Amino acid sequence: MFKKWTEILGVDENVVGSGDSDPSVFPRLVKTALLVAIALLAVGLVVVIFYGGFTWITAGDSDEKLQKAQKIMKDGIMAILIAFGFILVFAIIAGLLGVDITDFSFIDEVFS
């Protein structure tokens, strides 16, 4: 079901110093790393928002717990905005360099 990374990236793991001279190897690796990083970031931020909401709901009459929950929620929303800003800046830089960051067709190679 899954291919080895060496098959996808074109590297022979049995030969020291071998590698593919194909210039598309590094961009594919960067796209994969960014896709994984964005997915992990999204999951983490959703967990933070849910934790803040849970803390808010269970705060009861405690103003201290309510303020803590509001801070968690505010920090989570700020982190989401910063993450979107990062993605926007990356997309602008990639567009200026002529790199298509929306082409994730290489993922099909992993699952084929």
C-alpha atoms as a PDB file:
ATOM      1  CA  MET A   1       0.000   0.000   0.000  1.00  0.00           C
ATOM      2  CA  PHE A   2       2.694   2.490   0.985  1.00  0.00           C
ATOM      3  CA  LYS A   3       5.881   3.070  -0.949  1.00  0.00           C
ATOM      4  CA  LYS A   4       9.205   3.640   0.707  1.00  0.00           C
ATOM      5  CA  TRP A   5      10.400   7.235   0.819  1.00  0.00           C
ATOM      6  CA  THR A   6      13.453   6.094  -1.090  1.00  0.00           C
ATOM      7  CA  GLU A   7      11.248   4.981  -3.976  1.00  0.00           C
ATOM      8  CA  ILE A   8       9.328   8.250  -4.006  1.00  0.00           C
ATOM      9  CA  LEU A   9      12.376  10.485  -3.778  1.00  0.00           C
ATOM     10  CA  GLY A  10      14.477   8.354  -6.115  1.00  0.00           C
ATOM     11  CA  VAL A  11      17.283   7.485  -3.689  1.00  0.00           C
ATOM     12  CA  ASP A  12      18.998   4.110  -3.586  1.00  0.00           C
ATOM     13  CA  GLU A  13      19.596   3.397   0.073  1.00  0.00           C
ATOM     14  CA  ASN A  14      22.115   0.638  -0.709  1.00  0.00           C
ATOM     15  CA  VAL A  15      24.670   2.928  -2.344  1.00  0.00           C
ATOM     16  CA  VAL A  16      26.529   5.531  -0.307  1.00  0.00           C
ATOM     17  CA  GLY A  17      26.202   9.011  -1.774  1.00  0.00           C
ATOM     18  CA  SER A  18      23.607   8.006  -4.318  1.00  0.00           C
ATOM     19  CA  GLY A  19      20.654  10.176  -5.026  1.00  0.00           C
ATOM     20  CA  ASP A  20      18.441  11.460  -7.731  1.00  0.00           C
ATOM     21  CA  SER A  21      19.666  14.488  -9.626  1.00  0.00           C
ATOM     22  CA  ASP A  22      16.080  15.311 -10.549  1.00  0.00           C
ATOM     23  CA  PRO A  23      15.499  18.945  -9.512  1.00  0.00           C
ATOM     24  CA  SER A  24      11.926  18.175  -8.425  1.00  0.00           C
ATOM     25  CA  VAL A  25      13.024  16.059  -5.454  1.00  0.00           C
ATOM     26  CA  PHE A  26      13.671  18.949  -3.051  1.00  0.00           C
ATOM     27  CA  PRO A  27      10.428  20.848  -3.833  1.00  0.00           C
ATOM     28  CA  ARG A  28       8.444  17.644  -3.297  1.00  0.00           C
ATOM     29  CA  LEU A  29      10.172  17.135   0.028  1.00  0.00           C
ATOM     30  CA  VAL A  30       9.434  20.731   1.075  1.00  0.00           C
ATOM     31  CA  LYS A  31       5.779  20.414   0.026  1.00  0.00           C
ATOM     32  CA  THR A  32       5.445  17.200   2.018  1.00  0.00           C
ATOM     33  CA  ALA A  33       7.044  18.758   5.096  1.00  0.00           C
ATOM     34  CA  LEU A  34       4.797  21.819   4.860  1.00  0.00           C
ATOM     35  CA  LEU A  35       1.686  19.708   4.389  1.00  0.00           C
ATOM     36  CA  VAL A  36       2.511  17.647   7.472  1.00  0.00           C
ATOM     37  CA  ALA A  37       3.397  20.765   9.502  1.00  0.00           C
ATOM     38  CA  ILE A  38       0.157  22.526   8.561  1.00  0.00           C
ATOM     39  CA  ALA A  39      -1.902  19.426   9.388  1.00  0.00           C
ATOM     40  CA  LEU A  40      -0.237  19.035  12.796  1.00  0.00           C
ATOM     41  CA  LEU A  41      -0.640  22.739  13.494  1.00  0.00           C
ATOM     42  CA  ALA A  42      -4.338  22.615  12.619  1.00  0.00           C
ATOM     43  CA  VAL A  43      -4.953  19.632  14.884  1.00  0.00           C
ATOM     44  CA  GLY A  44      -3.032  21.268  17.724  1.00  0.00           C
ATOM     45  CA  LEU A  45      -4.948  24.519  17.413  1.00  0.00           C
ATOM     46  CA  VAL A  46      -8.301  22.741  17.396  1.00  0.00           C
ATOM     47  CA  VAL A  47      -7.277  20.927  20.578  1.00  0.00           C
ATOM     48  CA  VAL A  48      -6.294  24.251  22.208  1.00  0.00           C
ATOM     49  CA  ILE A  49      -9.614  25.862  21.255  1.00  0.00           C
ATOM     50  CA  PHE A  50     -11.576  22.877  22.589  1.00  0.00           C
ATOM     51  CA  TYR A  51      -9.533  22.901  25.807  1.00  0.00           C
ATOM     52  CA  GLY A  52     -10.271  26.598  26.245  1.00  0.00           C
ATOM     53  CA  GLY A  53     -13.966  25.984  25.641  1.00  0.00           C
ATOM     54  CA  PHE A  54     -14.023  23.105  28.102  1.00  0.00           C
ATOM     55  CA  THR A  55     -12.252  25.240  30.707  1.00  0.00           C
ATOM     56  CA  TRP A  56     -14.769  28.019  30.096  1.00  0.00           C
ATOM     57  CA  ILE A  57     -17.745  25.680  30.478  1.00  0.00           C
ATOM     58  CA  THR A  58     -16.402  24.139  33.682  1.00  0.00           C
ATOM     59  CA  ALA A  59     -15.299  27.477  35.201  1.00  0.00           C
ATOM     60  CA  GLY A  60     -18.515  27.858  37.147  1.00  0.00           C
ATOM     61  CA  ASP A  61     -18.524  30.979  39.325  1.00  0.00           C
ATOM     62  CA  SER A  62     -14.727  31.254  39.453  1.00  0.00           C
ATOM     63  CA  ASP A  63     -13.579  34.471  37.779  1.00  0.00           C
ATOM     64  CA  GLU A  64      -9.989  33.216  37.819  1.00  0.00           C
ATOM     65  CA  LYS A  65     -10.870  30.084  35.823  1.00  0.00           C
ATOM     66  CA  LEU A  66     -13.022  32.135  33.454  1.00  0.00           C
ATOM     67  CA  GLN A  67     -10.150  34.538  32.762  1.00  0.00           C
ATOM     68  CA  LYS A  68      -7.816  31.574  32.228  1.00  0.00           C
ATOM     69  CA  ALA A  69     -10.266  30.058  29.733  1.00  0.00           C
ATOM     70  CA  GLN A  70     -10.658  33.367  27.904  1.00  0.00           C
ATOM     71  CA  LYS A  71      -6.879  33.694  27.662  1.00  0.00           C
ATOM     72  CA  ILE A  72      -6.565  30.150  26.266  1.00  0.00           C
ATOM     73  CA  MET A  73      -9.256  30.856  23.664  1.00  0.00           C
ATOM     74  CA  LYS A  74      -7.705  34.217  22.743  1.00  0.00           C
ATOM     75  CA  ASP A  75      -4.242  32.666  22.409  1.00  0.00           C
ATOM     76  CA  GLY A  76      -5.645  29.860  20.258  1.00  0.00           C
ATOM     77  CA  ILE A  77      -7.373  32.305  17.922  1.00  0.00           C
ATOM     78  CA  MET A  78      -4.206  34.425  17.691  1.00  0.00           C
ATOM     79  CA  ALA A  79      -2.215  31.301  16.830  1.00  0.00           C
ATOM     80  CA  ILE A  80      -4.694  30.481  14.056  1.00  0.00           C
ATOM     81  CA  LEU A  81      -4.320  34.001  12.643  1.00  0.00           C
ATOM     82  CA  ILE A  82      -0.524  33.737  12.795  1.00  0.00           C
ATOM     83  CA  ALA A  83      -0.663  30.352  11.044  1.00  0.00           C
ATOM     84  CA  PHE A  84      -2.863  31.760   8.269  1.00  0.00           C
ATOM     85  CA  GLY A  85      -0.450  34.678   7.954  1.00  0.00           C
ATOM     86  CA  PHE A  86       2.443  32.237   7.585  1.00  0.00           C
ATOM     87  CA  ILE A  87       0.594  30.312   4.883  1.00  0.00           C
ATOM     88  CA  LEU A  88      -0.263  33.561   3.089  1.00  0.00           C
ATOM     89  CA  VAL A  89       3.347  34.796   3.155  1.00  0.00           C
ATOM     90  CA  PHE A  90       4.583  31.394   1.970  1.00  0.00           C
ATOM     91  CA  ALA A  91       2.045  31.391  -0.875  1.00  0.00           C
ATOM     92  CA  ILE A  92       3.114  34.892  -1.955  1.00  0.00           C
ATOM     93  CA  ILE A  93       6.813  33.984  -1.908  1.00  0.00           C
ATOM     94  CA  ALA A  94       6.138  30.733  -3.767  1.00  0.00           C
ATOM     95  CA  GLY A  95       4.108  32.646  -6.362  1.00  0.00           C
ATOM     96  CA  LEU A  96       6.927  35.131  -6.865  1.00  0.00           C
ATOM     97  CA  LEU A  97       9.378  32.255  -7.327  1.00  0.00           C
ATOM     98  CA  GLY A  98       7.025  30.449  -9.710  1.00  0.00           C
ATOM     99  CA  VAL A  99       6.501  27.401  -7.496  1.00  0.00           C
ATOM    100  CA  ASP A 100       3.049  25.805  -7.522  1.00  0.00           C
ATOM    101  CA  ILE A 101       2.343  25.019  -3.876  1.00  0.00           C
ATOM    102  CA  THR A 102      -1.199  23.862  -4.574  1.00  0.00           C
ATOM    103  CA  ASP A 103      -0.104  20.862  -6.635  1.00  0.00           C
ATOM    104  CA  PHE A 104      -0.126  17.935  -4.235  1.00  0.00           C
ATOM    105  CA  SER A 105      -0.310  15.249  -6.917  1.00  0.00           C
ATOM    106  CA  PHE A 106       2.870  13.705  -5.496  1.00  0.00           C
ATOM    107  CA  ILE A 107       0.747  12.377  -2.618  1.00  0.00           C
ATOM    108  CA  ASP A 108      -0.758   9.886  -5.061  1.00  0.00           C
ATOM    109  CA  GLU A 109       2.726   8.394  -5.428  1.00  0.00           C
ATOM    110  CA  VAL A 110       2.828   7.625  -1.705  1.00  0.00           C
ATOM    111  CA  PHE A 111      -0.407   5.650  -1.721  1.00  0.00           C
ATOM    112  CA  SER A 112      -0.005   3.884  -5.063  1.00  0.00           C
END
